[in-house]
């Protein structure tokens, strides 16, 4: 196994898992947007994409013409796709380390502060004056809750106001740490350790692997 490619693929993913695990180990909930969640996942997968699709489907003509710069162009292209996916996704809020049952009264308080005409219909919440319609969706495995838009007509400013108020209401909330978060941190540490082990075992291949990756375009020319 190529130690350099393995490290490139694993390190961003391990960092993503470590951050996700630490967030779930906190005693306070964290509110983030769906766009931020997509961006974080995209960055966490960048290493796998680099040694997978980017290297596999790299255009040979561009490699010959642009030499090593083709890597930066392809990575920039991938990151632009991540940004586009984050921008076009429907409005959504993700509350880490809090179940829907724990969130609902705090969400009602936040909704009442920004729109007194709010109303519940099952798991759906409507804020008419704010232009926000959402439904509450839980993820029991990680004890996270999503507030996803439930209609095409949504006010982005209304979502921002709701998010600000919800963050303010959750500042005093205290929750119990979620045990699977520790598992994610341990997994991240094991992945990093495996990278170090691969690099140590195949230290004689590191320079050759780096030269193969970065100088591939020069060799082709």
C-alpha atoms as a PDB file:
ATOM      1  CA  UNK A   1       0.000   0.000   0.000  1.00  0.00           C
ATOM      2  CA  UNK A   2       1.313   3.420  -0.979  1.00  0.00           C
ATOM      3  CA  UNK A   3       1.894   5.204   2.386  1.00  0.00           C
ATOM      4  CA  UNK A   4       1.601   8.712   0.936  1.00  0.00           C
ATOM      5  CA  UNK A   5      -1.679   8.091  -0.855  1.00  0.00           C
ATOM      6  CA  UNK A   6      -3.035   6.285   2.204  1.00  0.00           C
ATOM      7  CA  UNK A   7      -2.141   9.246   4.428  1.00  0.00           C
ATOM      8  CA  UNK A   8      -3.645  11.762   1.990  1.00  0.00           C
ATOM      9  CA  UNK A   9      -6.892   9.778   1.940  1.00  0.00           C
ATOM     10  CA  UNK A  10      -7.176   9.121   5.675  1.00  0.00           C
ATOM     11  CA  UNK A  11      -5.985  12.291   7.455  1.00  0.00           C
ATOM     12  CA  UNK A  12      -8.849  14.638   6.366  1.00  0.00           C
ATOM     13  CA  UNK A  13     -11.403  11.910   7.110  1.00  0.00           C
ATOM     14  CA  UNK A  14      -9.884  11.284  10.543  1.00  0.00           C
ATOM     15  CA  UNK A  15      -9.969  15.015  11.295  1.00  0.00           C
ATOM     16  CA  UNK A  16     -13.651  15.155  10.334  1.00  0.00           C
ATOM     17  CA  UNK A  17     -14.478  12.156  12.550  1.00  0.00           C
ATOM     18  CA  UNK A  18     -12.503  13.661  15.454  1.00  0.00           C
ATOM     19  CA  UNK A  19     -14.368  16.974  15.249  1.00  0.00           C
ATOM     20  CA  UNK A  20     -17.715  15.176  14.968  1.00  0.00           C
ATOM     21  CA  UNK A  21     -16.854  13.000  17.958  1.00  0.00           C
ATOM     22  CA  UNK A  22     -15.721  15.941  20.098  1.00  0.00           C
ATOM     23  CA  UNK A  23     -18.925  17.821  19.287  1.00  0.00           C
ATOM     24  CA  UNK A  24     -20.981  14.840  20.482  1.00  0.00           C
ATOM     25  CA  UNK A  25     -18.893  14.595  23.659  1.00  0.00           C
ATOM     26  CA  UNK A  26     -19.770  18.155  24.655  1.00  0.00           C
ATOM     27  CA  UNK A  27     -22.237  18.911  27.402  1.00  0.00           C
ATOM     28  CA  UNK A  28     -23.736  21.711  25.339  1.00  0.00           C
ATOM     29  CA  UNK A  29     -25.603  21.414  22.036  1.00  0.00           C
ATOM     30  CA  UNK A  30     -24.196  22.952  18.883  1.00  0.00           C
ATOM     31  CA  UNK A  31     -26.285  24.577  16.172  1.00  0.00           C
ATOM     32  CA  UNK A  32     -24.946  24.703  12.634  1.00  0.00           C
ATOM     33  CA  UNK A  33     -26.408  25.098   9.169  1.00  0.00           C
ATOM     34  CA  UNK A  34     -26.949  22.332   6.648  1.00  0.00           C
ATOM     35  CA  UNK A  35     -24.594  24.151   4.283  1.00  0.00           C
ATOM     36  CA  UNK A  36     -21.814  24.085   6.880  1.00  0.00           C
ATOM     37  CA  UNK A  37     -22.396  20.380   7.454  1.00  0.00           C
ATOM     38  CA  UNK A  38     -22.096  19.660   3.716  1.00  0.00           C
ATOM     39  CA  UNK A  39     -18.935  21.759   3.492  1.00  0.00           C
ATOM     40  CA  UNK A  40     -17.365  19.936   6.464  1.00  0.00           C
ATOM     41  CA  UNK A  41     -18.184  16.544   4.955  1.00  0.00           C
ATOM     42  CA  UNK A  42     -16.796  17.633   1.587  1.00  0.00           C
ATOM     43  CA  UNK A  43     -13.516  18.687   3.196  1.00  0.00           C
ATOM     44  CA  UNK A  44     -13.401  15.438   5.155  1.00  0.00           C
ATOM     45  CA  UNK A  45     -13.676  13.437   1.920  1.00  0.00           C
ATOM     46  CA  UNK A  46     -11.195  15.537  -0.074  1.00  0.00           C
ATOM     47  CA  UNK A  47      -8.346  13.079   0.509  1.00  0.00           C
ATOM     48  CA  UNK A  48     -10.368  10.105  -0.709  1.00  0.00           C
ATOM     49  CA  UNK A  49     -11.444  12.077  -3.757  1.00  0.00           C
ATOM     50  CA  UNK A  50      -7.851  13.133  -4.438  1.00  0.00           C
ATOM     51  CA  UNK A  51      -6.449   9.592  -4.519  1.00  0.00           C
ATOM     52  CA  UNK A  52      -9.621   8.196  -6.094  1.00  0.00           C
ATOM     53  CA  UNK A  53     -11.644   9.960  -8.797  1.00  0.00           C
ATOM     54  CA  UNK A  54      -9.257  12.912  -9.255  1.00  0.00           C
ATOM     55  CA  UNK A  55      -6.221  10.729  -9.867  1.00  0.00           C
ATOM     56  CA  UNK A  56      -8.164   8.073 -11.779  1.00  0.00           C
ATOM     57  CA  UNK A  57      -9.969  10.419 -14.158  1.00  0.00           C
ATOM     58  CA  UNK A  58      -7.270  13.068 -14.459  1.00  0.00           C
ATOM     59  CA  UNK A  59      -7.244  14.236 -18.108  1.00  0.00           C
ATOM     60  CA  UNK A  60      -3.947  13.217 -19.692  1.00  0.00           C
ATOM     61  CA  UNK A  61      -3.817  16.171 -22.111  1.00  0.00           C
ATOM     62  CA  UNK A  62      -4.256  18.653 -19.243  1.00  0.00           C
ATOM     63  CA  UNK A  63      -1.577  16.800 -17.274  1.00  0.00           C
ATOM     64  CA  UNK A  64       0.868  17.190 -20.138  1.00  0.00           C
ATOM     65  CA  UNK A  65       0.065  20.868 -20.724  1.00  0.00           C
ATOM     66  CA  UNK A  66      -0.235  22.113 -17.136  1.00  0.00           C
ATOM     67  CA  UNK A  67       2.162  19.673 -15.403  1.00  0.00           C
ATOM     68  CA  UNK A  68       1.745  19.718 -11.611  1.00  0.00           C
ATOM     69  CA  UNK A  69      -0.739  22.590 -11.696  1.00  0.00           C
ATOM     70  CA  UNK A  70      -3.431  20.182 -12.885  1.00  0.00           C
ATOM     71  CA  UNK A  71      -3.711  18.858  -9.302  1.00  0.00           C
ATOM     72  CA  UNK A  72      -4.581  22.304  -7.965  1.00  0.00           C
ATOM     73  CA  UNK A  73      -7.063  22.887 -10.781  1.00  0.00           C
ATOM     74  CA  UNK A  74      -8.842  19.570 -10.126  1.00  0.00           C
ATOM     75  CA  UNK A  75      -8.900  20.122  -6.355  1.00  0.00           C
ATOM     76  CA  UNK A  76     -10.278  23.631  -6.882  1.00  0.00           C
ATOM     77  CA  UNK A  77     -12.908  22.159  -9.204  1.00  0.00           C
ATOM     78  CA  UNK A  78     -13.921  19.645  -6.526  1.00  0.00           C
ATOM     79  CA  UNK A  79     -14.091  22.331  -3.828  1.00  0.00           C
ATOM     80  CA  UNK A  80     -16.228  24.490  -6.094  1.00  0.00           C
ATOM     81  CA  UNK A  81     -18.665  21.590  -6.422  1.00  0.00           C
ATOM     82  CA  UNK A  82     -18.749  21.313  -2.624  1.00  0.00           C
ATOM     83  CA  UNK A  83     -19.459  25.051  -2.329  1.00  0.00           C
ATOM     84  CA  UNK A  84     -22.173  24.775  -4.985  1.00  0.00           C
ATOM     85  CA  UNK A  85     -23.814  21.860  -3.173  1.00  0.00           C
ATOM     86  CA  UNK A  86     -23.747  23.853   0.066  1.00  0.00           C
ATOM     87  CA  UNK A  87     -25.255  26.912  -1.608  1.00  0.00           C
ATOM     88  CA  UNK A  88     -28.123  25.207  -3.457  1.00  0.00           C
ATOM     89  CA  UNK A  89     -29.220  22.964  -0.609  1.00  0.00           C
ATOM     90  CA  UNK A  90     -32.514  23.853   1.014  1.00  0.00           C
ATOM     91  CA  UNK A  91     -32.344  25.743   4.315  1.00  0.00           C
ATOM     92  CA  UNK A  92     -31.607  23.406   7.200  1.00  0.00           C
ATOM     93  CA  UNK A  93     -30.317  23.606  10.750  1.00  0.00           C
ATOM     94  CA  UNK A  94     -28.548  20.771  12.543  1.00  0.00           C
ATOM     95  CA  UNK A  95     -28.469  20.601  16.320  1.00  0.00           C
ATOM     96  CA  UNK A  96     -25.772  18.231  17.543  1.00  0.00           C
ATOM     97  CA  UNK A  97     -26.106  16.238  20.762  1.00  0.00           C
ATOM     98  CA  UNK A  98     -29.790  16.933  21.347  1.00  0.00           C
ATOM     99  CA  UNK A  99     -32.857  14.794  20.653  1.00  0.00           C
ATOM    100  CA  UNK A 100     -36.076  16.192  19.133  1.00  0.00           C
ATOM    101  CA  UNK A 101     -37.829  15.753  22.475  1.00  0.00           C
ATOM    102  CA  UNK A 102     -35.160  17.809  24.255  1.00  0.00           C
ATOM    103  CA  UNK A 103     -35.122  20.441  21.533  1.00  0.00           C
ATOM    104  CA  UNK A 104     -38.849  20.987  21.054  1.00  0.00           C
ATOM    105  CA  UNK A 105     -39.585  23.260  24.080  1.00  0.00           C
ATOM    106  CA  UNK A 106     -36.488  25.354  23.399  1.00  0.00           C
ATOM    107  CA  UNK A 107     -37.424  25.579  19.729  1.00  0.00           C
ATOM    108  CA  UNK A 108     -40.931  26.700  20.686  1.00  0.00           C
ATOM    109  CA  UNK A 109     -39.468  29.444  22.874  1.00  0.00           C
ATOM    110  CA  UNK A 110     -37.201  30.612  20.060  1.00  0.00           C
ATOM    111  CA  UNK A 111     -40.054  30.512  17.548  1.00  0.00           C
ATOM    112  CA  UNK A 112     -42.325  32.480  19.873  1.00  0.00           C
ATOM    113  CA  UNK A 113     -39.667  35.162  20.273  1.00  0.00           C
ATOM    114  CA  UNK A 114     -39.215  35.767  16.531  1.00  0.00           C
ATOM    115  CA  UNK A 115     -42.806  35.053  15.432  1.00  0.00           C
ATOM    116  CA  UNK A 116     -45.681  35.057  17.911  1.00  0.00           C
ATOM    117  CA  UNK A 117     -48.001  33.498  15.312  1.00  0.00           C
ATOM    118  CA  UNK A 118     -46.001  30.247  15.088  1.00  0.00           C
ATOM    119  CA  UNK A 119     -47.889  26.960  15.236  1.00  0.00           C
ATOM    120  CA  UNK A 120     -47.087  23.263  15.415  1.00  0.00           C
ATOM    121  CA  UNK A 121     -48.667  20.535  13.283  1.00  0.00           C
ATOM    122  CA  UNK A 122     -47.205  17.272  14.498  1.00  0.00           C
ATOM    123  CA  UNK A 123     -43.478  17.485  13.835  1.00  0.00           C
ATOM    124  CA  UNK A 124     -43.905  20.452  11.489  1.00  0.00           C
ATOM    125  CA  UNK A 125     -43.409  24.030  12.632  1.00  0.00           C
ATOM    126  CA  UNK A 126     -44.766  27.018  10.715  1.00  0.00           C
ATOM    127  CA  UNK A 127     -43.704  30.610  11.303  1.00  0.00           C
ATOM    128  CA  UNK A 128     -45.948  32.622   8.928  1.00  0.00           C
ATOM    129  CA  UNK A 129     -44.552  36.096   9.551  1.00  0.00           C
ATOM    130  CA  UNK A 130     -40.998  34.819   9.305  1.00  0.00           C
ATOM    131  CA  UNK A 131     -41.616  32.885   6.094  1.00  0.00           C
ATOM    132  CA  UNK A 132     -40.282  29.632   7.548  1.00  0.00           C
ATOM    133  CA  UNK A 133     -41.796  26.153   7.371  1.00  0.00           C
ATOM    134  CA  UNK A 134     -39.838  23.226   8.757  1.00  0.00           C
ATOM    135  CA  UNK A 135     -40.111  19.740  10.120  1.00  0.00           C
ATOM    136  CA  UNK A 136     -38.142  18.212  12.955  1.00  0.00           C
ATOM    137  CA  UNK A 137     -36.190  15.087  12.080  1.00  0.00           C
ATOM    138  CA  UNK A 138     -34.097  13.142  14.586  1.00  0.00           C
ATOM    139  CA  UNK A 139     -31.023  10.971  14.085  1.00  0.00           C
ATOM    140  CA  UNK A 140     -31.061   8.688  17.165  1.00  0.00           C
ATOM    141  CA  UNK A 141     -27.730   6.960  16.453  1.00  0.00           C
ATOM    142  CA  UNK A 142     -25.783  10.214  16.911  1.00  0.00           C
ATOM    143  CA  UNK A 143     -28.476  11.999  18.966  1.00  0.00           C
ATOM    144  CA  UNK A 144     -28.684  14.857  16.496  1.00  0.00           C
ATOM    145  CA  UNK A 145     -31.732  16.759  15.286  1.00  0.00           C
ATOM    146  CA  UNK A 146     -32.317  18.401  11.918  1.00  0.00           C
ATOM    147  CA  UNK A 147     -34.695  21.252  11.186  1.00  0.00           C
ATOM    148  CA  UNK A 148     -35.353  20.835   7.468  1.00  0.00           C
ATOM    149  CA  UNK A 149     -37.413  23.128   5.250  1.00  0.00           C
ATOM    150  CA  UNK A 150     -40.769  21.605   4.325  1.00  0.00           C
ATOM    151  CA  UNK A 151     -41.762  23.845   1.438  1.00  0.00           C
ATOM    152  CA  UNK A 152     -40.267  25.595  -1.606  1.00  0.00           C
ATOM    153  CA  UNK A 153     -41.043  29.107  -0.394  1.00  0.00           C
ATOM    154  CA  UNK A 154     -38.599  29.888   2.362  1.00  0.00           C
ATOM    155  CA  UNK A 155     -37.178  33.149   3.663  1.00  0.00           C
ATOM    156  CA  UNK A 156     -33.419  32.910   4.143  1.00  0.00           C
ATOM    157  CA  UNK A 157     -33.505  35.948   6.413  1.00  0.00           C
ATOM    158  CA  UNK A 158     -36.201  34.229   8.457  1.00  0.00           C
ATOM    159  CA  UNK A 159     -34.013  31.136   8.821  1.00  0.00           C
ATOM    160  CA  UNK A 160     -31.084  33.289   9.917  1.00  0.00           C
ATOM    161  CA  UNK A 161     -33.222  35.010  12.554  1.00  0.00           C
ATOM    162  CA  UNK A 162     -34.515  31.684  13.834  1.00  0.00           C
ATOM    163  CA  UNK A 163     -30.982  30.266  13.957  1.00  0.00           C
ATOM    164  CA  UNK A 164     -29.679  33.259  15.933  1.00  0.00           C
ATOM    165  CA  UNK A 165     -32.510  33.045  18.438  1.00  0.00           C
ATOM    166  CA  UNK A 166     -32.174  29.277  18.791  1.00  0.00           C
ATOM    167  CA  UNK A 167     -28.441  29.597  19.472  1.00  0.00           C
ATOM    168  CA  UNK A 168     -29.190  32.200  22.133  1.00  0.00           C
ATOM    169  CA  UNK A 169     -31.771  29.930  23.793  1.00  0.00           C
ATOM    170  CA  UNK A 170     -29.427  26.940  23.747  1.00  0.00           C
ATOM    171  CA  UNK A 171     -26.523  28.733  25.437  1.00  0.00           C
ATOM    172  CA  UNK A 172     -27.839  27.788  28.867  1.00  0.00           C
ATOM    173  CA  UNK A 173     -28.852  24.246  27.873  1.00  0.00           C
ATOM    174  CA  UNK A 174     -26.825  21.399  29.369  1.00  0.00           C
ATOM    175  CA  UNK A 175     -27.041  17.879  27.950  1.00  0.00           C
ATOM    176  CA  UNK A 176     -25.289  14.620  28.740  1.00  0.00           C
ATOM    177  CA  UNK A 177     -22.331  13.631  26.533  1.00  0.00           C
ATOM    178  CA  UNK A 178     -23.175  11.063  23.870  1.00  0.00           C
ATOM    179  CA  UNK A 179     -21.075   7.868  24.255  1.00  0.00           C
ATOM    180  CA  UNK A 180     -20.732   7.167  20.477  1.00  0.00           C
ATOM    181  CA  UNK A 181     -18.819  10.451  20.260  1.00  0.00           C
ATOM    182  CA  UNK A 182     -15.978   8.821  22.171  1.00  0.00           C
ATOM    183  CA  UNK A 183     -15.987   5.980  19.627  1.00  0.00           C
ATOM    184  CA  UNK A 184     -15.558   8.466  16.786  1.00  0.00           C
ATOM    185  CA  UNK A 185     -12.613  10.123  18.535  1.00  0.00           C
ATOM    186  CA  UNK A 186     -10.987   6.734  19.180  1.00  0.00           C
ATOM    187  CA  UNK A 187     -11.533   5.744  15.550  1.00  0.00           C
ATOM    188  CA  UNK A 188      -9.941   8.992  14.395  1.00  0.00           C
ATOM    189  CA  UNK A 189      -6.915   8.386  16.629  1.00  0.00           C
ATOM    190  CA  UNK A 190      -6.564   4.837  15.292  1.00  0.00           C
ATOM    191  CA  UNK A 191      -6.715   6.087  11.715  1.00  0.00           C
ATOM    192  CA  UNK A 192      -4.021   8.681  12.383  1.00  0.00           C
ATOM    193  CA  UNK A 193      -1.910   6.038  14.103  1.00  0.00           C
ATOM    194  CA  UNK A 194      -2.294   3.743  11.093  1.00  0.00           C
ATOM    195  CA  UNK A 195      -1.041   6.566   8.854  1.00  0.00           C
ATOM    196  CA  UNK A 196       2.017   7.053  11.048  1.00  0.00           C
ATOM    197  CA  UNK A 197       2.627   3.295  11.045  1.00  0.00           C
ATOM    198  CA  UNK A 198       2.398   3.138   7.254  1.00  0.00           C
ATOM    199  CA  UNK A 199       4.808   6.040   6.875  1.00  0.00           C
ATOM    200  CA  UNK A 200       7.244   4.510   9.358  1.00  0.00           C
ATOM    201  CA  UNK A 201       7.135   1.066   7.755  1.00  0.00           C
ATOM    202  CA  UNK A 202       7.589   2.358   4.229  1.00  0.00           C
ATOM    203  CA  UNK A 203       9.744   5.414   4.868  1.00  0.00           C
ATOM    204  CA  UNK A 204      11.938   4.459   1.920  1.00  0.00           C
ATOM    205  CA  UNK A 205       8.954   4.832  -0.430  1.00  0.00           C
ATOM    206  CA  UNK A 206       7.821   8.275   0.716  1.00  0.00           C
ATOM    207  CA  UNK A 207      10.086  10.340  -1.525  1.00  0.00           C
ATOM    208  CA  UNK A 208       9.348   8.096  -4.491  1.00  0.00           C
ATOM    209  CA  UNK A 209       5.580   8.301  -3.909  1.00  0.00           C
ATOM    210  CA  UNK A 210       5.608  12.095  -3.566  1.00  0.00           C
ATOM    211  CA  UNK A 211       7.678  12.403  -6.724  1.00  0.00           C
ATOM    212  CA  UNK A 212       5.295  10.092  -8.557  1.00  0.00           C
ATOM    213  CA  UNK A 213       2.255  12.132  -7.540  1.00  0.00           C
ATOM    214  CA  UNK A 214       3.640  15.638  -8.032  1.00  0.00           C
ATOM    215  CA  UNK A 215       5.927  15.012 -10.977  1.00  0.00           C
ATOM    216  CA  UNK A 216       3.579  12.774 -12.913  1.00  0.00           C
ATOM    217  CA  UNK A 217       2.759  15.482 -15.377  1.00  0.00           C
ATOM    218  CA  UNK A 218       6.459  16.217 -15.959  1.00  0.00           C
ATOM    219  CA  UNK A 219       7.133  12.516 -16.587  1.00  0.00           C
ATOM    220  CA  UNK A 220       4.304  12.354 -19.085  1.00  0.00           C
ATOM    221  CA  UNK A 221       5.641  15.358 -20.979  1.00  0.00           C
END
